[in-house]
Amino acid sequence: MGTRLAAIACAVLLTASPAAAQQTRYLVVPGVGIGPIKLGMSIATVAQMLGEPRPSDDLLEPGIPELDGTHGYSWRDGHIFVETNRAGTVYYVGVAMPGVVTSEGFGYGTDMDEIQDRLGVPSRTIPVGNSIRMIYDELGVQFAVSMLIGTDHYHKVDAVGVFAPRQ
């Protein structure tokens, strides 16, 4: 009974209004998951927590190797996103909203220099539109950083993604 209540509580938190989301913190654990969404979960389990997903194959994350049979799914207008393999198992989860942070406090709104000061230079940096992806392959985490000059979000994290670490 306790596990079921915890799953319901997590689902409620992830589907809360944007104002409530700003007050809620979702822990990013590199190489493991974000909040209740863990790598290796089935898409059916994630859908039980968050509701019916929207297919989002056109949003597959650049820099994350696509597996054979990859599919993307999103919730909350694309603010929560997972990629699955052919078997429907989550191998990437990304979240783009306030309150999503690592144990060090890195997340939505963090300046990219703060991350590099603590984690060092990323394994890879990939430009994507008006942003870049700072990818830390050995940790299993990436940060999408806005590069829109003249905005108050310039140089700051817009989204965090988690995947299995790579050497």
N, C-alpha and C. Protein backbone atom coordinates (compact mmCIF):
# COMPACT_ATOMS: atom_id res chain seq x y z
N MET A 1 0.82 -1.20 0.00
CA MET A 1 0.00 0.00 0.00
C MET A 1 0.86 1.26 0.00
N GLY A 2 1.96 1.27 0.74
CA GLY A 2 2.83 2.43 0.82
C GLY A 2 3.48 2.75 -0.51
N THR A 3 3.88 1.74 -1.27
CA THR A 3 4.50 1.96 -2.58
C THR A 3 3.50 2.58 -3.53
N ARG A 4 2.25 2.11 -3.49
CA ARG A 4 1.22 2.66 -4.36
C ARG A 4 0.95 4.12 -4.02
N LEU A 5 0.89 4.46 -2.74
CA LEU A 5 0.68 5.85 -2.34
C LEU A 5 1.85 6.73 -2.77
N ALA A 6 3.06 6.21 -2.67
CA ALA A 6 4.23 6.97 -3.10
C ALA A 6 4.18 7.24 -4.60
N ALA A 7 3.77 6.25 -5.39
CA ALA A 7 3.67 6.42 -6.84
C ALA A 7 2.60 7.45 -7.18
N ILE A 8 1.49 7.42 -6.48
CA ILE A 8 0.42 8.40 -6.70
C ILE A 8 0.90 9.80 -6.33
N ALA A 9 1.60 9.92 -5.21
CA ALA A 9 2.12 11.22 -4.79
C ALA A 9 3.10 11.77 -5.82
N CYS A 10 3.97 10.91 -6.36
CA CYS A 10 4.93 11.35 -7.38
C CYS A 10 4.20 11.81 -8.64
N ALA A 11 3.18 11.06 -9.04
CA ALA A 11 2.42 11.43 -10.23
C ALA A 11 1.73 12.77 -10.03
N VAL A 12 1.18 13.01 -8.85
CA VAL A 12 0.53 14.29 -8.56
C VAL A 12 1.54 15.42 -8.63
N LEU A 13 2.72 15.21 -8.07
CA LEU A 13 3.76 16.24 -8.10
C LEU A 13 4.19 16.57 -9.52
N LEU A 14 4.36 15.56 -10.37
CA LEU A 14 4.82 15.79 -11.73
C LEU A 14 3.75 16.38 -12.63
N THR A 15 2.48 16.27 -12.23
CA THR A 15 1.42 16.84 -13.06
C THR A 15 0.83 18.10 -12.44
N ALA A 16 1.49 18.63 -11.43
CA ALA A 16 1.02 19.84 -10.76
C ALA A 16 1.07 21.02 -11.71
N SER A 17 0.40 22.10 -11.34
CA SER A 17 0.39 23.31 -12.16
C SER A 17 1.78 23.90 -12.22
N PRO A 18 2.07 24.75 -13.26
CA PRO A 18 3.40 25.36 -13.35
C PRO A 18 3.78 26.15 -12.09
N ALA A 19 2.82 26.82 -11.46
CA ALA A 19 3.13 27.57 -10.24
C ALA A 19 3.56 26.62 -9.13
N ALA A 20 2.88 25.49 -9.01
CA ALA A 20 3.26 24.50 -7.99
C ALA A 20 4.59 23.86 -8.34
N ALA A 21 4.85 23.69 -9.64
CA ALA A 21 6.12 23.07 -10.05
C ALA A 21 7.31 23.90 -9.62
N GLN A 22 7.15 25.23 -9.58
CA GLN A 22 8.25 26.09 -9.18
C GLN A 22 8.61 25.88 -7.72
N GLN A 23 7.69 25.39 -6.92
CA GLN A 23 7.95 25.17 -5.50
C GLN A 23 8.36 23.73 -5.21
N THR A 24 8.23 22.84 -6.19
CA THR A 24 8.54 21.43 -6.00
C THR A 24 9.90 21.13 -6.57
N ARG A 25 10.67 20.30 -5.88
CA ARG A 25 11.98 19.91 -6.37
C ARG A 25 11.94 18.44 -6.80
N TYR A 26 12.47 18.19 -8.00
CA TYR A 26 12.57 16.84 -8.53
C TYR A 26 14.05 16.51 -8.59
N LEU A 27 14.48 15.52 -7.85
CA LEU A 27 15.89 15.19 -7.78
C LEU A 27 16.35 14.50 -9.06
N VAL A 28 17.41 15.05 -9.64
CA VAL A 28 18.07 14.46 -10.80
C VAL A 28 19.21 13.60 -10.28
N VAL A 29 19.17 12.33 -10.58
CA VAL A 29 20.26 11.43 -10.20
C VAL A 29 20.90 10.95 -11.50
N PRO A 30 22.07 11.52 -11.85
CA PRO A 30 22.72 11.14 -13.10
C PRO A 30 22.87 9.62 -13.23
N GLY A 31 22.55 9.13 -14.42
CA GLY A 31 22.66 7.70 -14.68
C GLY A 31 21.56 6.86 -14.08
N VAL A 32 20.61 7.50 -13.35
CA VAL A 32 19.53 6.76 -12.68
C VAL A 32 18.14 7.24 -13.12
N GLY A 33 17.87 8.54 -13.00
CA GLY A 33 16.56 9.05 -13.37
C GLY A 33 16.30 10.44 -12.83
N ILE A 34 15.09 10.92 -13.05
CA ILE A 34 14.66 12.22 -12.55
C ILE A 34 13.35 12.01 -11.81
N GLY A 35 13.34 12.37 -10.52
CA GLY A 35 12.15 12.15 -9.70
C GLY A 35 11.77 10.69 -9.74
N PRO A 36 10.49 10.40 -9.95
CA PRO A 36 10.06 8.99 -9.95
C PRO A 36 10.33 8.25 -11.26
N ILE A 37 10.78 8.96 -12.30
CA ILE A 37 11.03 8.31 -13.59
C ILE A 37 12.46 7.82 -13.62
N LYS A 38 12.62 6.50 -13.71
CA LYS A 38 13.94 5.87 -13.67
C LYS A 38 14.25 5.22 -15.01
N LEU A 39 15.53 5.20 -15.33
CA LEU A 39 15.98 4.47 -16.51
C LEU A 39 15.64 3.00 -16.30
N GLY A 40 15.24 2.33 -17.37
CA GLY A 40 14.89 0.92 -17.28
C GLY A 40 13.42 0.66 -16.99
N MET A 41 12.66 1.72 -16.63
CA MET A 41 11.22 1.58 -16.42
C MET A 41 10.53 1.32 -17.74
N SER A 42 9.41 0.67 -17.69
CA SER A 42 8.63 0.48 -18.92
C SER A 42 7.83 1.76 -19.18
N ILE A 43 7.54 2.01 -20.44
CA ILE A 43 6.72 3.17 -20.80
C ILE A 43 5.33 3.02 -20.18
N ALA A 44 4.85 1.80 -20.01
CA ALA A 44 3.55 1.58 -19.38
C ALA A 44 3.56 2.06 -17.93
N THR A 45 4.66 1.83 -17.21
CA THR A 45 4.76 2.27 -15.82
C THR A 45 4.79 3.80 -15.75
N VAL A 46 5.55 4.42 -16.65
CA VAL A 46 5.61 5.89 -16.67
C VAL A 46 4.22 6.45 -16.99
N ALA A 47 3.52 5.83 -17.94
CA ALA A 47 2.17 6.28 -18.31
C ALA A 47 1.20 6.12 -17.15
N GLN A 48 1.38 5.09 -16.32
CA GLN A 48 0.52 4.94 -15.14
C GLN A 48 0.72 6.11 -14.18
N MET A 49 1.94 6.61 -14.07
CA MET A 49 2.23 7.73 -13.17
C MET A 49 1.78 9.06 -13.74
N LEU A 50 2.02 9.28 -15.06
CA LEU A 50 1.82 10.60 -15.64
C LEU A 50 0.61 10.73 -16.56
N GLY A 51 -0.02 9.62 -16.89
CA GLY A 51 -1.14 9.66 -17.82
C GLY A 51 -0.68 9.30 -19.22
N GLU A 52 -1.60 9.33 -20.14
CA GLU A 52 -1.31 8.95 -21.52
C GLU A 52 -0.29 9.92 -22.14
N PRO A 53 0.80 9.40 -22.69
CA PRO A 53 1.80 10.28 -23.28
C PRO A 53 1.43 10.71 -24.69
N ARG A 54 2.11 11.73 -25.14
CA ARG A 54 2.00 12.18 -26.52
C ARG A 54 3.23 11.66 -27.26
N PRO A 55 3.06 10.92 -28.36
CA PRO A 55 4.23 10.49 -29.12
C PRO A 55 5.02 11.72 -29.58
N SER A 56 6.32 11.69 -29.41
CA SER A 56 7.16 12.85 -29.73
C SER A 56 8.44 12.41 -30.42
N ASP A 57 8.34 11.55 -31.40
CA ASP A 57 9.53 11.06 -32.09
C ASP A 57 10.31 12.19 -32.75
N ASP A 58 9.64 13.30 -33.08
CA ASP A 58 10.34 14.42 -33.70
C ASP A 58 11.20 15.19 -32.70
N LEU A 59 11.11 14.87 -31.41
CA LEU A 59 11.88 15.57 -30.38
C LEU A 59 13.04 14.74 -29.82
N LEU A 60 13.41 13.66 -30.50
CA LEU A 60 14.48 12.81 -29.98
C LEU A 60 15.72 13.65 -29.70
N GLU A 61 16.33 13.41 -28.56
CA GLU A 61 17.41 14.26 -28.06
C GLU A 61 18.71 14.08 -28.84
N PRO A 62 19.23 15.17 -29.41
CA PRO A 62 20.52 15.11 -30.11
C PRO A 62 21.63 14.76 -29.11
N GLY A 63 22.60 14.00 -29.55
CA GLY A 63 23.72 13.65 -28.68
C GLY A 63 23.52 12.39 -27.89
N ILE A 64 22.28 11.91 -27.83
CA ILE A 64 21.99 10.65 -27.14
C ILE A 64 21.80 9.61 -28.24
N PRO A 65 22.66 8.59 -28.27
CA PRO A 65 22.56 7.61 -29.35
C PRO A 65 21.17 6.96 -29.40
N GLU A 66 20.59 7.00 -30.59
CA GLU A 66 19.27 6.39 -30.76
C GLU A 66 19.44 4.89 -30.93
N LEU A 67 18.68 4.17 -30.18
CA LEU A 67 18.70 2.71 -30.27
C LEU A 67 17.76 2.27 -31.37
N ASP A 68 17.95 1.07 -31.86
CA ASP A 68 17.05 0.51 -32.85
C ASP A 68 15.64 0.46 -32.26
N GLY A 69 14.69 1.04 -32.94
CA GLY A 69 13.31 1.03 -32.46
C GLY A 69 13.00 2.12 -31.46
N THR A 70 13.83 3.17 -31.41
CA THR A 70 13.63 4.27 -30.47
C THR A 70 12.31 4.99 -30.71
N HIS A 71 11.65 5.34 -29.61
CA HIS A 71 10.45 6.18 -29.66
C HIS A 71 10.56 7.22 -28.56
N GLY A 72 10.02 8.41 -28.83
CA GLY A 72 9.98 9.46 -27.84
C GLY A 72 8.55 9.71 -27.40
N TYR A 73 8.39 10.06 -26.13
CA TYR A 73 7.07 10.36 -25.56
C TYR A 73 7.20 11.57 -24.65
N SER A 74 6.15 12.39 -24.60
CA SER A 74 6.21 13.57 -23.73
C SER A 74 4.91 13.78 -22.99
N TRP A 75 5.02 14.55 -21.92
CA TRP A 75 3.90 14.97 -21.08
C TRP A 75 4.09 16.44 -20.79
N ARG A 76 3.02 17.07 -20.34
CA ARG A 76 3.05 18.49 -19.95
C ARG A 76 3.63 19.35 -21.06
N ASP A 77 3.06 19.22 -22.25
CA ASP A 77 3.48 20.00 -23.42
C ASP A 77 4.97 19.89 -23.70
N GLY A 78 5.51 18.72 -23.52
CA GLY A 78 6.91 18.46 -23.83
C GLY A 78 7.89 18.80 -22.73
N HIS A 79 7.41 19.19 -21.57
CA HIS A 79 8.32 19.53 -20.46
C HIS A 79 8.88 18.29 -19.77
N ILE A 80 8.22 17.17 -19.94
CA ILE A 80 8.72 15.88 -19.45
C ILE A 80 8.80 14.98 -20.67
N PHE A 81 9.98 14.37 -20.88
CA PHE A 81 10.21 13.63 -22.11
C PHE A 81 11.01 12.37 -21.82
N VAL A 82 10.62 11.26 -22.43
CA VAL A 82 11.40 10.03 -22.33
C VAL A 82 11.62 9.45 -23.72
N GLU A 83 12.72 8.72 -23.84
CA GLU A 83 12.98 7.94 -25.03
C GLU A 83 13.03 6.48 -24.60
N THR A 84 12.44 5.63 -25.43
CA THR A 84 12.40 4.19 -25.13
C THR A 84 13.02 3.39 -26.26
N ASN A 85 13.47 2.20 -25.92
CA ASN A 85 13.99 1.28 -26.92
C ASN A 85 12.83 0.46 -27.50
N ARG A 86 13.15 -0.47 -28.35
CA ARG A 86 12.14 -1.30 -29.02
C ARG A 86 11.21 -2.01 -28.03
N ALA A 87 11.76 -2.41 -26.87
CA ALA A 87 10.97 -3.13 -25.86
C ALA A 87 10.09 -2.19 -25.02
N GLY A 88 10.19 -0.87 -25.26
CA GLY A 88 9.39 0.07 -24.48
C GLY A 88 10.01 0.42 -23.14
N THR A 89 11.33 0.25 -23.02
CA THR A 89 12.05 0.55 -21.78
C THR A 89 12.73 1.91 -21.89
N VAL A 90 12.59 2.72 -20.86
CA VAL A 90 13.16 4.07 -20.84
C VAL A 90 14.69 4.01 -20.78
N TYR A 91 15.36 4.67 -21.73
CA TYR A 91 16.81 4.79 -21.68
C TYR A 91 17.27 6.24 -21.60
N TYR A 92 16.32 7.20 -21.69
CA TYR A 92 16.63 8.62 -21.53
C TYR A 92 15.41 9.30 -20.94
N VAL A 93 15.62 10.18 -19.98
CA VAL A 93 14.54 11.00 -19.43
C VAL A 93 15.05 12.43 -19.33
N GLY A 94 14.23 13.37 -19.77
CA GLY A 94 14.57 14.78 -19.70
C GLY A 94 13.40 15.58 -19.15
N VAL A 95 13.72 16.62 -18.39
CA VAL A 95 12.68 17.49 -17.83
C VAL A 95 13.11 18.93 -18.01
N ALA A 96 12.18 19.77 -18.46
CA ALA A 96 12.44 21.19 -18.70
C ALA A 96 11.45 22.02 -17.91
N MET A 97 11.72 22.17 -16.61
CA MET A 97 10.86 23.02 -15.78
C MET A 97 11.57 23.35 -14.47
N PRO A 98 11.18 24.43 -13.84
CA PRO A 98 11.79 24.80 -12.55
C PRO A 98 11.62 23.69 -11.52
N GLY A 99 12.57 23.62 -10.60
CA GLY A 99 12.49 22.65 -9.50
C GLY A 99 13.20 21.35 -9.80
N VAL A 100 13.78 21.21 -10.99
CA VAL A 100 14.49 19.99 -11.37
C VAL A 100 15.97 20.23 -11.11
N VAL A 101 16.54 19.54 -10.09
CA VAL A 101 17.92 19.81 -9.69
C VAL A 101 18.67 18.54 -9.31
N THR A 102 20.00 18.61 -9.47
CA THR A 102 20.87 17.55 -8.99
C THR A 102 21.10 17.76 -7.50
N SER A 103 21.76 16.81 -6.85
CA SER A 103 22.04 16.97 -5.42
C SER A 103 22.94 18.17 -5.16
N GLU A 104 23.72 18.61 -6.18
CA GLU A 104 24.56 19.80 -6.04
C GLU A 104 23.77 21.09 -6.25
N GLY A 105 22.51 20.96 -6.66
CA GLY A 105 21.68 22.13 -6.90
C GLY A 105 21.70 22.61 -8.34
N PHE A 106 22.30 21.84 -9.26
CA PHE A 106 22.32 22.22 -10.66
C PHE A 106 21.03 21.80 -11.33
N GLY A 107 20.41 22.73 -12.04
CA GLY A 107 19.18 22.40 -12.74
C GLY A 107 18.67 23.60 -13.48
N TYR A 108 17.38 23.63 -13.67
CA TYR A 108 16.72 24.70 -14.41
C TYR A 108 17.14 26.05 -13.84
N GLY A 109 17.70 26.92 -14.69
CA GLY A 109 18.10 28.26 -14.27
C GLY A 109 19.53 28.40 -13.79
N THR A 110 20.27 27.29 -13.65
CA THR A 110 21.66 27.36 -13.22
C THR A 110 22.53 27.89 -14.36
N ASP A 111 23.46 28.79 -14.04
CA ASP A 111 24.39 29.29 -15.05
C ASP A 111 25.37 28.19 -15.44
N MET A 112 25.66 28.07 -16.72
CA MET A 112 26.53 27.00 -17.21
C MET A 112 27.93 27.07 -16.61
N ASP A 113 28.40 28.25 -16.26
CA ASP A 113 29.74 28.38 -15.65
C ASP A 113 29.79 27.72 -14.28
N GLU A 114 28.69 27.79 -13.53
CA GLU A 114 28.63 27.12 -12.22
C GLU A 114 28.80 25.61 -12.38
N ILE A 115 28.15 25.07 -13.39
CA ILE A 115 28.23 23.63 -13.63
C ILE A 115 29.66 23.24 -14.00
N GLN A 116 30.26 23.99 -14.92
CA GLN A 116 31.62 23.67 -15.35
C GLN A 116 32.63 23.87 -14.22
N ASP A 117 32.41 24.86 -13.36
CA ASP A 117 33.31 25.05 -12.22
C ASP A 117 33.32 23.83 -11.32
N ARG A 118 32.17 23.19 -11.17
CA ARG A 118 32.06 22.04 -10.26
C ARG A 118 32.31 20.70 -10.95
N LEU A 119 31.78 20.53 -12.18
CA LEU A 119 31.88 19.24 -12.86
C LEU A 119 33.01 19.18 -13.90
N GLY A 120 33.57 20.34 -14.22
CA GLY A 120 34.61 20.38 -15.24
C GLY A 120 34.02 20.54 -16.62
N VAL A 121 34.89 20.46 -17.60
CA VAL A 121 34.47 20.61 -18.99
C VAL A 121 33.65 19.38 -19.40
N PRO A 122 32.52 19.59 -20.09
CA PRO A 122 31.71 18.44 -20.52
C PRO A 122 32.48 17.54 -21.49
N SER A 123 32.08 16.28 -21.56
CA SER A 123 32.65 15.34 -22.53
C SER A 123 32.43 15.84 -23.94
N ARG A 124 31.23 16.36 -24.16
CA ARG A 124 30.84 16.87 -25.48
C ARG A 124 29.94 18.08 -25.29
N THR A 125 29.99 18.97 -26.27
CA THR A 125 29.07 20.10 -26.33
C THR A 125 28.49 20.12 -27.73
N ILE A 126 27.16 20.05 -27.84
CA ILE A 126 26.50 19.98 -29.14
C ILE A 126 25.56 21.17 -29.29
N PRO A 127 25.74 21.99 -30.34
CA PRO A 127 24.79 23.08 -30.59
C PRO A 127 23.48 22.53 -31.15
N VAL A 128 22.36 23.03 -30.63
CA VAL A 128 21.03 22.63 -31.09
C VAL A 128 20.17 23.89 -31.12
N GLY A 129 19.93 24.43 -32.31
CA GLY A 129 19.13 25.65 -32.43
C GLY A 129 19.76 26.79 -31.63
N ASN A 130 18.98 27.38 -30.75
CA ASN A 130 19.44 28.49 -29.91
C ASN A 130 19.94 28.02 -28.55
N SER A 131 20.43 26.79 -28.49
CA SER A 131 20.93 26.27 -27.23
C SER A 131 22.12 25.35 -27.50
N ILE A 132 22.76 24.93 -26.43
CA ILE A 132 23.79 23.91 -26.54
C ILE A 132 23.47 22.83 -25.52
N ARG A 133 23.98 21.63 -25.79
CA ARG A 133 23.87 20.53 -24.84
C ARG A 133 25.25 20.31 -24.23
N MET A 134 25.34 20.45 -22.93
CA MET A 134 26.57 20.12 -22.20
C MET A 134 26.39 18.68 -21.73
N ILE A 135 27.12 17.75 -22.35
CA ILE A 135 26.92 16.34 -22.10
C ILE A 135 28.09 15.78 -21.30
N TYR A 136 27.78 15.20 -20.14
CA TYR A 136 28.76 14.55 -19.29
C TYR A 136 28.54 13.05 -19.41
N ASP A 137 29.18 12.45 -20.43
CA ASP A 137 28.98 11.03 -20.73
C ASP A 137 29.30 10.12 -19.56
N GLU A 138 30.39 10.40 -18.85
CA GLU A 138 30.82 9.52 -17.76
C GLU A 138 29.88 9.58 -16.55
N LEU A 139 29.08 10.64 -16.44
CA LEU A 139 28.12 10.76 -15.34
C LEU A 139 26.72 10.30 -15.73
N GLY A 140 26.40 10.41 -17.01
CA GLY A 140 25.05 10.08 -17.46
C GLY A 140 24.08 11.24 -17.26
N VAL A 141 24.57 12.48 -17.53
CA VAL A 141 23.71 13.65 -17.39
C VAL A 141 24.07 14.68 -18.46
N GLN A 142 23.07 15.42 -18.89
CA GLN A 142 23.31 16.53 -19.81
C GLN A 142 22.45 17.71 -19.41
N PHE A 143 22.93 18.89 -19.76
CA PHE A 143 22.24 20.14 -19.47
C PHE A 143 22.02 20.87 -20.78
N ALA A 144 20.77 21.24 -21.08
CA ALA A 144 20.45 22.07 -22.24
C ALA A 144 20.54 23.51 -21.77
N VAL A 145 21.39 24.29 -22.42
CA VAL A 145 21.66 25.66 -22.00
C VAL A 145 21.24 26.64 -23.09
N SER A 146 20.46 27.65 -22.71
CA SER A 146 20.01 28.67 -23.66
C SER A 146 21.18 29.55 -24.09
N MET A 147 21.25 29.81 -25.38
CA MET A 147 22.29 30.70 -25.91
C MET A 147 21.65 31.91 -26.60
N LEU A 148 20.43 32.23 -26.21
CA LEU A 148 19.74 33.40 -26.76
C LEU A 148 20.26 34.66 -26.08
N ILE A 149 21.13 35.36 -26.77
CA ILE A 149 21.73 36.60 -26.23
C ILE A 149 20.63 37.63 -26.05
N GLY A 150 20.72 38.39 -24.97
CA GLY A 150 19.75 39.44 -24.70
C GLY A 150 18.55 38.99 -23.89
N THR A 151 18.52 37.72 -23.51
CA THR A 151 17.41 37.25 -22.68
C THR A 151 17.92 37.01 -21.27
N ASP A 152 17.02 36.99 -20.30
CA ASP A 152 17.44 36.76 -18.91
C ASP A 152 17.79 35.30 -18.66
N HIS A 153 17.58 34.44 -19.65
CA HIS A 153 17.91 33.02 -19.48
C HIS A 153 19.19 32.64 -20.24
N TYR A 154 19.87 33.64 -20.82
CA TYR A 154 21.10 33.39 -21.56
C TYR A 154 22.14 32.73 -20.66
N HIS A 155 22.73 31.65 -21.16
CA HIS A 155 23.80 30.93 -20.45
C HIS A 155 23.25 30.09 -19.30
N LYS A 156 21.95 29.92 -19.22
CA LYS A 156 21.33 29.18 -18.12
C LYS A 156 20.66 27.90 -18.61
N VAL A 157 20.55 26.95 -17.72
CA VAL A 157 19.97 25.65 -18.03
C VAL A 157 18.47 25.76 -18.25
N ASP A 158 18.01 25.19 -19.37
CA ASP A 158 16.58 25.12 -19.69
C ASP A 158 16.02 23.73 -19.41
N ALA A 159 16.88 22.71 -19.47
CA ALA A 159 16.42 21.33 -19.27
C ALA A 159 17.59 20.46 -18.82
N VAL A 160 17.24 19.37 -18.14
CA VAL A 160 18.22 18.40 -17.67
C VAL A 160 17.81 17.04 -18.19
N GLY A 161 18.78 16.26 -18.66
CA GLY A 161 18.50 14.91 -19.14
C GLY A 161 19.42 13.89 -18.48
N VAL A 162 18.90 12.68 -18.36
CA VAL A 162 19.65 11.59 -17.72
C VAL A 162 19.65 10.37 -18.64
N PHE A 163 20.79 9.71 -18.71
CA PHE A 163 20.97 8.51 -19.52
C PHE A 163 21.99 7.62 -18.83
N ALA A 164 22.18 6.41 -19.32
CA ALA A 164 23.18 5.51 -18.74
C ALA A 164 24.57 6.08 -19.00
N PRO A 165 25.44 6.11 -17.99
CA PRO A 165 26.80 6.65 -18.18
C PRO A 165 27.55 5.88 -19.26
N ARG A 166 28.42 6.61 -19.96
CA ARG A 166 29.26 6.02 -21.01
C ARG A 166 30.70 6.42 -20.73
N GLN A 167 31.61 5.54 -21.03
CA GLN A 167 33.04 5.84 -20.85
C GLN A 167 33.69 6.25 -22.12
